[in-house]
PDB file of all heavy atoms in Angstrom:
ATOM      1  N   THR A   1      93.171  93.767  95.348  1.00  0.00           N
ATOM      2  CA  THR A   1      92.616  95.108  95.480  1.00  0.00           C
ATOM      3  C   THR A   1      92.897  95.607  96.885  1.00  0.00           C
ATOM      4  O   THR A   1      92.520  94.965  97.875  1.00  0.00           O
ATOM      5  CB  THR A   1      91.101  95.102  95.208  1.00  0.00           C
ATOM      6  OG1 THR A   1      90.869  94.530  93.917  1.00  0.00           O
ATOM      7  CG2 THR A   1      90.525  96.507  95.259  1.00  0.00           C
ATOM      8  N   LEU A   2      93.569  96.743  96.966  1.00  0.00           N
ATOM      9  CA  LEU A   2      93.979  97.290  98.253  1.00  0.00           C
ATOM     10  C   LEU A   2      92.789  97.548  99.167  1.00  0.00           C
ATOM     11  O   LEU A   2      92.785  97.168 100.322  1.00  0.00           O
ATOM     12  CB  LEU A   2      94.784  98.574  98.056  1.00  0.00           C
ATOM     13  CG  LEU A   2      95.251  99.266  99.321  1.00  0.00           C
ATOM     14  CD1 LEU A   2      96.208  98.372 100.099  1.00  0.00           C
ATOM     15  CD2 LEU A   2      95.897 100.592  98.993  1.00  0.00           C
ATOM     16  N   ASP A   3      91.744  98.192  98.656  1.00  0.00           N
ATOM     17  CA  ASP A   3      90.576  98.501  99.476  1.00  0.00           C
ATOM     18  C   ASP A   3      89.312  98.227  98.679  1.00  0.00           C
ATOM     19  O   ASP A   3      88.866  99.060  97.889  1.00  0.00           O
ATOM     20  CB  ASP A   3      90.606  99.952  99.939  1.00  0.00           C
ATOM     21  CG  ASP A   3      89.526 100.267 100.971  1.00  0.00           C
ATOM     22  OD1 ASP A   3      88.725  99.366 101.310  1.00  0.00           O
ATOM     23  OD2 ASP A   3      89.483 101.413 101.431  1.00  0.00           O
ATOM     24  N   ALA A   4      88.743  97.052  98.910  1.00  0.00           N
ATOM     25  CA  ALA A   4      87.556  96.626  98.165  1.00  0.00           C
ATOM     26  C   ALA A   4      86.363  97.536  98.421  1.00  0.00           C
ATOM     27  O   ALA A   4      85.454  97.629  97.596  1.00  0.00           O
ATOM     28  CB  ALA A   4      87.193  95.191  98.529  1.00  0.00           C
ATOM     29  N   HIS A   5      86.358  98.235  99.555  1.00  0.00           N
ATOM     30  CA  HIS A   5      85.237  99.110  99.894  1.00  0.00           C
ATOM     31  C   HIS A   5      85.555 100.576  99.622  1.00  0.00           C
ATOM     32  O   HIS A   5      84.757 101.454  99.942  1.00  0.00           O
ATOM     33  CB  HIS A   5      84.837  98.921 101.357  1.00  0.00           C
ATOM     34  CG  HIS A   5      84.473  97.505 101.682  1.00  0.00           C
ATOM     35  ND1 HIS A   5      83.442  96.837 101.062  1.00  0.00           N
ATOM     36  CD2 HIS A   5      85.029  96.614 102.537  1.00  0.00           C
ATOM     37  CE1 HIS A   5      83.363  95.602 101.525  1.00  0.00           C
ATOM     38  NE2 HIS A   5      84.322  95.443 102.422  1.00  0.00           N
ATOM     39  N   GLY A   6      86.715 100.822  99.044  1.00  0.00           N
ATOM     40  CA  GLY A   6      87.103 102.194  98.739  1.00  0.00           C
ATOM     41  C   GLY A   6      86.235 102.778  97.633  1.00  0.00           C
ATOM     42  O   GLY A   6      85.769 102.073  96.748  1.00  0.00           O
ATOM     43  N   THR A   7      86.030 104.053  97.687  1.00  0.00           N
ATOM     44  CA  THR A   7      85.161 104.703  96.704  1.00  0.00           C
ATOM     45  C   THR A   7      85.947 105.452  95.634  1.00  0.00           C
ATOM     46  O   THR A   7      85.369 105.950  94.684  1.00  0.00           O
ATOM     47  CB  THR A   7      84.220 105.699  97.410  1.00  0.00           C
ATOM     48  OG1 THR A   7      85.020 106.649  98.129  1.00  0.00           O
ATOM     49  CG2 THR A   7      83.281 104.981  98.359  1.00  0.00           C
ATOM     50  N   ASP A   8      87.262 105.517  95.785  1.00  0.00           N
ATOM     51  CA  ASP A   8      88.069 106.311  94.861  1.00  0.00           C
ATOM     52  C   ASP A   8      88.891 105.467  93.898  1.00  0.00           C
ATOM     53  O   ASP A   8      89.957 105.872  93.460  1.00  0.00           O
ATOM     54  CB  ASP A   8      89.026 107.227  95.641  1.00  0.00           C
ATOM     55  CG  ASP A   8      88.288 108.247  96.466  1.00  0.00           C
ATOM     56  OD1 ASP A   8      87.146 108.570  96.103  1.00  0.00           O
ATOM     57  OD2 ASP A   8      88.847 108.710  97.472  1.00  0.00           O
ATOM     58  N   GLY A   9      88.417 104.286  93.531  1.00  0.00           N
ATOM     59  CA  GLY A   9      89.172 103.451  92.621  1.00  0.00           C
ATOM     60  C   GLY A   9      90.460 102.959  93.254  1.00  0.00           C
ATOM     61  O   GLY A   9      91.540 103.451  92.958  1.00  0.00           O
ATOM     62  N   SER A  10      90.338 102.028  94.132  1.00  0.00           N
ATOM     63  CA  SER A  10      91.475 101.512  94.889  1.00  0.00           C
ATOM     64  C   SER A  10      92.545 100.927  93.978  1.00  0.00           C
ATOM     65  O   SER A  10      92.240 100.340  92.939  1.00  0.00           O
ATOM     66  CB  SER A  10      90.985 100.429  95.842  1.00  0.00           C
ATOM     67  OG  SER A  10      92.061  99.933  96.602  1.00  0.00           O
ATOM     68  N   PRO A  11      93.820 101.066  94.358  1.00  0.00           N
ATOM     69  CA  PRO A  11      94.899 100.457  93.577  1.00  0.00           C
ATOM     70  C   PRO A  11      94.735  98.939  93.485  1.00  0.00           C
ATOM     71  O   PRO A  11      94.255  98.295  94.423  1.00  0.00           O
ATOM     72  CB  PRO A  11      96.163 100.807  94.363  1.00  0.00           C
ATOM     73  CG  PRO A  11      95.790 101.981  95.196  1.00  0.00           C
ATOM     74  CD  PRO A  11      94.333 101.830  95.488  1.00  0.00           C
ATOM     75  N   VAL A  12      95.169  98.392  92.357  1.00  0.00           N
ATOM     76  CA  VAL A  12      95.055  96.957  92.096  1.00  0.00           C
ATOM     77  C   VAL A  12      96.412  96.443  91.622  1.00  0.00           C
ATOM     78  O   VAL A  12      97.096  97.115  90.856  1.00  0.00           O
ATOM     79  CB  VAL A  12      93.979  96.688  91.015  1.00  0.00           C
ATOM     80  CG1 VAL A  12      93.986  95.237  90.589  1.00  0.00           C
ATOM     81  CG2 VAL A  12      92.602  97.094  91.514  1.00  0.00           C
ATOM     82  N   ILE A  13      96.768  95.256  92.091  1.00  0.00           N
ATOM     83  CA  ILE A  13      97.941  94.534  91.611  1.00  0.00           C
ATOM     84  C   ILE A  13      97.418  93.245  90.992  1.00  0.00           C
ATOM     85  O   ILE A  13      96.559  92.585  91.572  1.00  0.00           O
ATOM     86  CB  ILE A  13      98.909  94.200  92.768  1.00  0.00           C
ATOM     87  CG1 ILE A  13      99.383  95.466  93.471  1.00  0.00           C
ATOM     88  CG2 ILE A  13     100.094  93.382  92.257  1.00  0.00           C
ATOM     89  CD1 ILE A  13     100.126  95.190  94.792  1.00  0.00           C
ATOM     90  N   GLU A  14      97.917  92.882  89.816  1.00  0.00           N
ATOM     91  CA  GLU A  14      97.515  91.622  89.195  1.00  0.00           C
ATOM     92  C   GLU A  14      98.741  90.750  88.991  1.00  0.00           C
ATOM     93  O   GLU A  14      99.764  91.210  88.471  1.00  0.00           O
ATOM     94  CB  GLU A  14      96.804  91.867  87.866  1.00  0.00           C
ATOM     95  CG  GLU A  14      95.450  92.503  88.045  1.00  0.00           C
ATOM     96  CD  GLU A  14      94.660  92.609  86.753  1.00  0.00           C
ATOM     97  OE1 GLU A  14      95.267  92.528  85.654  1.00  0.00           O
ATOM     98  OE2 GLU A  14      93.432  92.790  86.828  1.00  0.00           O
ATOM     99  N   LEU A  15      98.619  89.490  89.450  1.00  0.00           N
ATOM    100  CA  LEU A  15      99.674  88.504  89.295  1.00  0.00           C
ATOM    101  C   LEU A  15      99.066  87.221  88.756  1.00  0.00           C
ATOM    102  O   LEU A  15      97.875  86.957  88.966  1.00  0.00           O
ATOM    103  CB  LEU A  15     100.350  88.208  90.636  1.00  0.00           C
ATOM    104  CG  LEU A  15     101.075  89.364  91.312  1.00  0.00           C
ATOM    105  CD1 LEU A  15     101.436  88.996  92.737  1.00  0.00           C
ATOM    106  CD2 LEU A  15     102.321  89.724  90.527  1.00  0.00           C
ATOM    107  N   SER A  16      99.879  86.424  88.100  1.00  0.00           N
ATOM    108  CA  SER A  16      99.369  85.144  87.600  1.00  0.00           C
ATOM    109  C   SER A  16      99.160  84.185  88.771  1.00  0.00           C
ATOM    110  O   SER A  16      99.789  84.317  89.832  1.00  0.00           O
ATOM    111  CB  SER A  16     100.343  84.531  86.589  1.00  0.00           C
ATOM    112  OG  SER A  16     101.493  84.039  87.250  1.00  0.00           O
ATOM    113  N   VAL A  17      98.274  83.235  88.564  1.00  0.00           N
ATOM    114  CA  VAL A  17      98.034  82.201  89.568  1.00  0.00           C
ATOM    115  C   VAL A  17      99.346  81.487  89.887  1.00  0.00           C
ATOM    116  O   VAL A  17      99.640  81.200  91.049  1.00  0.00           O
ATOM    117  CB  VAL A  17      96.950  81.215  89.070  1.00  0.00           C
ATOM    118  CG1 VAL A  17      96.897  79.961  89.935  1.00  0.00           C
ATOM    119  CG2 VAL A  17      95.595  81.892  89.026  1.00  0.00           C
ATOM    120  N   ASP A  18     100.153  81.223  88.864  1.00  0.00           N
ATOM    121  CA  ASP A  18     101.435  80.543  89.085  1.00  0.00           C
ATOM    122  C   ASP A  18     102.363  81.370  89.969  1.00  0.00           C
ATOM    123  O   ASP A  18     103.060  80.819  90.829  1.00  0.00           O
ATOM    124  CB  ASP A  18     102.125  80.234  87.759  1.00  0.00           C
ATOM    125  CG  ASP A  18     101.410  79.159  86.968  1.00  0.00           C
ATOM    126  OD1 ASP A  18     100.629  78.374  87.564  1.00  0.00           O
ATOM    127  OD2 ASP A  18     101.614  79.096  85.742  1.00  0.00           O
ATOM    128  N   GLN A  19     102.394  82.682  89.775  1.00  0.00           N
ATOM    129  CA  GLN A  19     103.231  83.543  90.627  1.00  0.00           C
ATOM    130  C   GLN A  19     102.767  83.480  92.077  1.00  0.00           C
ATOM    131  O   GLN A  19     103.586  83.359  92.991  1.00  0.00           O
ATOM    132  CB  GLN A  19     103.185  84.996  90.144  1.00  0.00           C
ATOM    133  CG  GLN A  19     103.949  85.252  88.872  1.00  0.00           C
ATOM    134  CD  GLN A  19     103.724  86.676  88.387  1.00  0.00           C
ATOM    135  OE1 GLN A  19     102.602  87.066  88.071  1.00  0.00           O
ATOM    136  NE2 GLN A  19     104.801  87.449  88.344  1.00  0.00           N
ATOM    137  N   ILE A  20     101.471  83.584  92.289  1.00  0.00           N
ATOM    138  CA  ILE A  20     100.926  83.526  93.653  1.00  0.00           C
ATOM    139  C   ILE A  20     101.210  82.161  94.267  1.00  0.00           C
ATOM    140  O   ILE A  20     101.610  82.062  95.430  1.00  0.00           O
ATOM    141  CB  ILE A  20      99.415  83.832  93.670  1.00  0.00           C
ATOM    142  CG1 ILE A  20      99.146  85.266  93.214  1.00  0.00           C
ATOM    143  CG2 ILE A  20      98.813  83.556  95.051  1.00  0.00           C
ATOM    144  CD1 ILE A  20      99.610  86.328  94.182  1.00  0.00           C
ATOM    145  N   ARG A  21     101.039  81.094  93.477  1.00  0.00           N
ATOM    146  CA  ARG A  21     101.301  79.741  93.988  1.00  0.00           C
ATOM    147  C   ARG A  21     102.768  79.611  94.440  1.00  0.00           C
ATOM    148  O   ARG A  21     103.049  79.049  95.488  1.00  0.00           O
ATOM    149  CB  ARG A  21     100.959  78.701  92.924  1.00  0.00           C
ATOM    150  CG  ARG A  21     100.767  77.316  93.482  1.00  0.00           C
ATOM    151  CD  ARG A  21     100.247  76.330  92.444  1.00  0.00           C
ATOM    152  NE  ARG A  21      98.975  76.670  91.861  1.00  0.00           N
ATOM    153  CZ  ARG A  21      97.791  76.464  92.416  1.00  0.00           C
ATOM    154  NH1 ARG A  21      97.720  75.955  93.627  1.00  0.00           N
ATOM    155  NH2 ARG A  21      96.678  76.786  91.788  1.00  0.00           N
ATOM    156  N   ARG A  22     103.700  80.168  93.669  1.00  0.00           N
ATOM    157  CA  ARG A  22     105.117  80.125  94.049  1.00  0.00           C
ATOM    158  C   ARG A  22     105.365  80.948  95.316  1.00  0.00           C
ATOM    159  O   ARG A  22     106.117  80.536  96.199  1.00  0.00           O
ATOM    160  CB  ARG A  22     106.005  80.630  92.908  1.00  0.00           C
ATOM    161  CG  ARG A  22     106.228  79.598  91.809  1.00  0.00           C
ATOM    162  CD  ARG A  22     107.305  80.025  90.829  1.00  0.00           C
ATOM    163  NE  ARG A  22     107.035  81.282  90.149  1.00  0.00           N
ATOM    164  CZ  ARG A  22     106.313  81.408  89.037  1.00  0.00           C
ATOM    165  NH1 ARG A  22     105.775  80.346  88.458  1.00  0.00           N
ATOM    166  NH2 ARG A  22     106.126  82.595  88.492  1.00  0.00           N
ATOM    167  N   LEU A  23     104.740  82.115  95.414  1.00  0.00           N
ATOM    168  CA  LEU A  23     104.902  82.951  96.609  1.00  0.00           C
ATOM    169  C   LEU A  23     104.358  82.247  97.853  1.00  0.00           C
ATOM    170  O   LEU A  23     104.977  82.283  98.919  1.00  0.00           O
ATOM    171  CB  LEU A  23     104.206  84.300  96.413  1.00  0.00           C
ATOM    172  CG  LEU A  23     104.876  85.241  95.413  1.00  0.00           C
ATOM    173  CD1 LEU A  23     103.942  86.407  95.088  1.00  0.00           C
ATOM    174  CD2 LEU A  23     106.204  85.735  95.942  1.00  0.00           C
ATOM    175  N   VAL A  24     103.202  81.606  97.728  1.00  0.00           N
ATOM    176  CA  VAL A  24     102.604  80.901  98.866  1.00  0.00           C
ATOM    177  C   VAL A  24     103.476  79.707  99.262  1.00  0.00           C
ATOM    178  O   VAL A  24     103.722  79.486 100.448  1.00  0.00           O
ATOM    179  CB  VAL A  24     101.157  80.456  98.546  1.00  0.00           C
ATOM    180  CG1 VAL A  24     100.614  79.521  99.622  1.00  0.00           C
ATOM    181  CG2 VAL A  24     100.253  81.666  98.390  1.00  0.00           C
ATOM    182  N   ALA A  25     103.979  78.967  98.280  1.00  0.00           N
ATOM    183  CA  ALA A  25     104.858  77.829  98.579  1.00  0.00           C
ATOM    184  C   ALA A  25     106.131  78.312  99.277  1.00  0.00           C
ATOM    185  O   ALA A  25     106.608  77.675 100.228  1.00  0.00           O
ATOM    186  CB  ALA A  25     105.197  77.063  97.303  1.00  0.00           C
ATOM    187  N   GLY A  26     106.672  79.429  98.838  1.00  0.00           N
ATOM    188  CA  GLY A  26     107.858  79.993  99.481  1.00  0.00           C
ATOM    189  C   GLY A  26     107.580  80.428 100.905  1.00  0.00           C
ATOM    190  O   GLY A  26     108.392  80.187 101.812  1.00  0.00           O
ATOM    191  N   ALA A  27     106.435  81.053 101.123  1.00  0.00           N
ATOM    192  CA  ALA A  27     106.060  81.476 102.481  1.00  0.00           C
ATOM    193  C   ALA A  27     105.861  80.260 103.382  1.00  0.00           C
ATOM    194  O   ALA A  27     106.313  80.252 104.534  1.00  0.00           O
ATOM    195  CB  ALA A  27     104.794  82.322 102.438  1.00  0.00           C
ATOM    196  N   GLN A  28     105.213  79.233 102.860  1.00  0.00           N
ATOM    197  CA  GLN A  28     105.012  78.018 103.648  1.00  0.00           C
ATOM    198  C   GLN A  28     106.363  77.397 104.005  1.00  0.00           C
ATOM    199  O   GLN A  28     106.578  76.981 105.147  1.00  0.00           O
ATOM    200  CB  GLN A  28     104.154  77.016 102.888  1.00  0.00           C
ATOM    201  CG  GLN A  28     103.908  75.746 103.673  1.00  0.00           C
ATOM    202  CD  GLN A  28     103.116  74.707 102.904  1.00  0.00           C
ATOM    203  OE1 GLN A  28     102.936  74.814 101.689  1.00  0.00           O
ATOM    204  NE2 GLN A  28     102.642  73.693 103.598  1.00  0.00           N
ATOM    205  N   GLN A  29     107.289  77.357 103.064  1.00  0.00           N
ATOM    206  CA  GLN A  29     108.610  76.795 103.340  1.00  0.00           C
ATOM    207  C   GLN A  29     109.346  77.624 104.394  1.00  0.00           C
ATOM    208  O   GLN A  29     110.002  77.085 105.281  1.00  0.00           O
ATOM    209  CB  GLN A  29     109.437  76.689 102.067  1.00  0.00           C
ATOM    210  CG  GLN A  29     110.756  75.977 102.274  1.00  0.00           C
ATOM    211  CD  GLN A  29     110.560  74.546 102.771  1.00  0.00           C
ATOM    212  OE1 GLN A  29     109.882  73.754 102.129  1.00  0.00           O
ATOM    213  NE2 GLN A  29     111.144  74.213 103.917  1.00  0.00           N
ATOM    214  N   ASP A  30     109.235  78.946 104.290  1.00  0.00           N
ATOM    215  CA  ASP A  30     109.865  79.818 105.290  1.00  0.00           C
ATOM    216  C   ASP A  30     109.312  79.533 106.690  1.00  0.00           C
ATOM    217  O   ASP A  30     110.069  79.484 107.668  1.00  0.00           O
ATOM    218  CB  ASP A  30     109.653  81.296 104.950  1.00  0.00           C
ATOM    219  CG  ASP A  30     110.473  81.756 103.764  1.00  0.00           C
ATOM    220  OD1 ASP A  30     111.395  81.028 103.325  1.00  0.00           O
ATOM    221  OD2 ASP A  30     110.178  82.852 103.251  1.00  0.00           O
ATOM    222  N   LEU A  31     108.002  79.341 106.791  1.00  0.00           N
ATOM    223  CA  LEU A  31     107.393  79.037 108.084  1.00  0.00           C
ATOM    224  C   LEU A  31     107.838  77.665 108.598  1.00  0.00           C
ATOM    225  O   LEU A  31     108.124  77.500 109.789  1.00  0.00           O
ATOM    226  CB  LEU A  31     105.866  79.116 107.994  1.00  0.00           C
ATOM    227  CG  LEU A  31     105.294  80.517 107.789  1.00  0.00           C
ATOM    228  CD1 LEU A  31     103.805  80.441 107.483  1.00  0.00           C
ATOM    229  CD2 LEU A  31     105.560  81.388 108.996  1.00  0.00           C
ATOM    230  N   GLN A  32     107.926  76.684 107.691  1.00  0.00           N
ATOM    231  CA  GLN A  32     108.405  75.353 108.080  1.00  0.00           C
ATOM    232  C   GLN A  32     109.849  75.424 108.574  1.00  0.00           C
ATOM    233  O   GLN A  32     110.213  74.799 109.570  1.00  0.00           O
ATOM    234  CB  GLN A  32     108.309  74.371 106.900  1.00  0.00           C
ATOM    235  CG  GLN A  32     106.908  73.986 106.525  1.00  0.00           C
ATOM    236  CD  GLN A  32     106.263  73.011 107.502  1.00  0.00           C
ATOM    237  OE1 GLN A  32     106.848  72.588 108.493  1.00  0.00           O
ATOM    238  NE2 GLN A  32     105.021  72.664 107.243  1.00  0.00           N
ATOM    239  N   ASP A  33     110.681  76.199 107.863  1.00  0.00           N
ATOM    240  CA  ASP A  33     112.080  76.357 108.268  1.00  0.00           C
ATOM    241  C   ASP A  33     112.177  77.026 109.635  1.00  0.00           C
ATOM    242  O   ASP A  33     112.987  76.619 110.473  1.00  0.00           O
ATOM    243  CB  ASP A  33     112.853  77.175 107.224  1.00  0.00           C
ATOM    244  CG  ASP A  33     113.016  76.449 105.899  1.00  0.00           C
ATOM    245  OD1 ASP A  33     112.775  75.222 105.837  1.00  0.00           O
ATOM    246  OD2 ASP A  33     113.375  77.129 104.914  1.00  0.00           O
ATOM    247  N   PHE A  34     111.343  78.052 109.868  1.00  0.00           N
ATOM    248  CA  PHE A  34     111.316  78.709 111.171  1.00  0.00           C
ATOM    249  C   PHE A  34     110.912  77.722 112.259  1.00  0.00           C
ATOM    250  O   PHE A  34     111.522  77.674 113.332  1.00  0.00           O
ATOM    251  CB  PHE A  34     110.364  79.909 111.150  1.00  0.00           C
ATOM    252  CG  PHE A  34     110.159  80.505 112.508  1.00  0.00           C
ATOM    253  CD1 PHE A  34     111.134  81.306 113.082  1.00  0.00           C
ATOM    254  CD2 PHE A  34     109.004  80.248 113.222  1.00  0.00           C
ATOM    255  CE1 PHE A  34     110.966  81.838 114.348  1.00  0.00           C
ATOM    256  CE2 PHE A  34     108.822  80.782 114.487  1.00  0.00           C
ATOM    257  CZ  PHE A  34     109.806  81.583 115.049  1.00  0.00           C
ATOM    258  N   LEU A  35     109.895  76.917 111.989  1.00  0.00           N
ATOM    259  CA  LEU A  35     109.439  75.932 112.967  1.00  0.00           C
ATOM    260  C   LEU A  35     110.555  74.941 113.293  1.00  0.00           C
ATOM    261  O   LEU A  35     110.759  74.589 114.457  1.00  0.00           O
ATOM    262  CB  LEU A  35     108.201  75.190 112.453  1.00  0.00           C
ATOM    263  CG  LEU A  35     107.601  74.145 113.392  1.00  0.00           C
ATOM    264  CD1 LEU A  35     107.116  74.791 114.680  1.00  0.00           C
ATOM    265  CD2 LEU A  35     106.469  73.404 112.693  1.00  0.00           C
TER     266      LEU A  35
END
């Protein structure tokens, strides 16, 4: 949810847990590669 405290029905994006898990793993790998 873009703005949990918004009063005008904030935009929402829904993704599966598996999609988020893959995105987080990719971000972690990118940070490890940078390090």
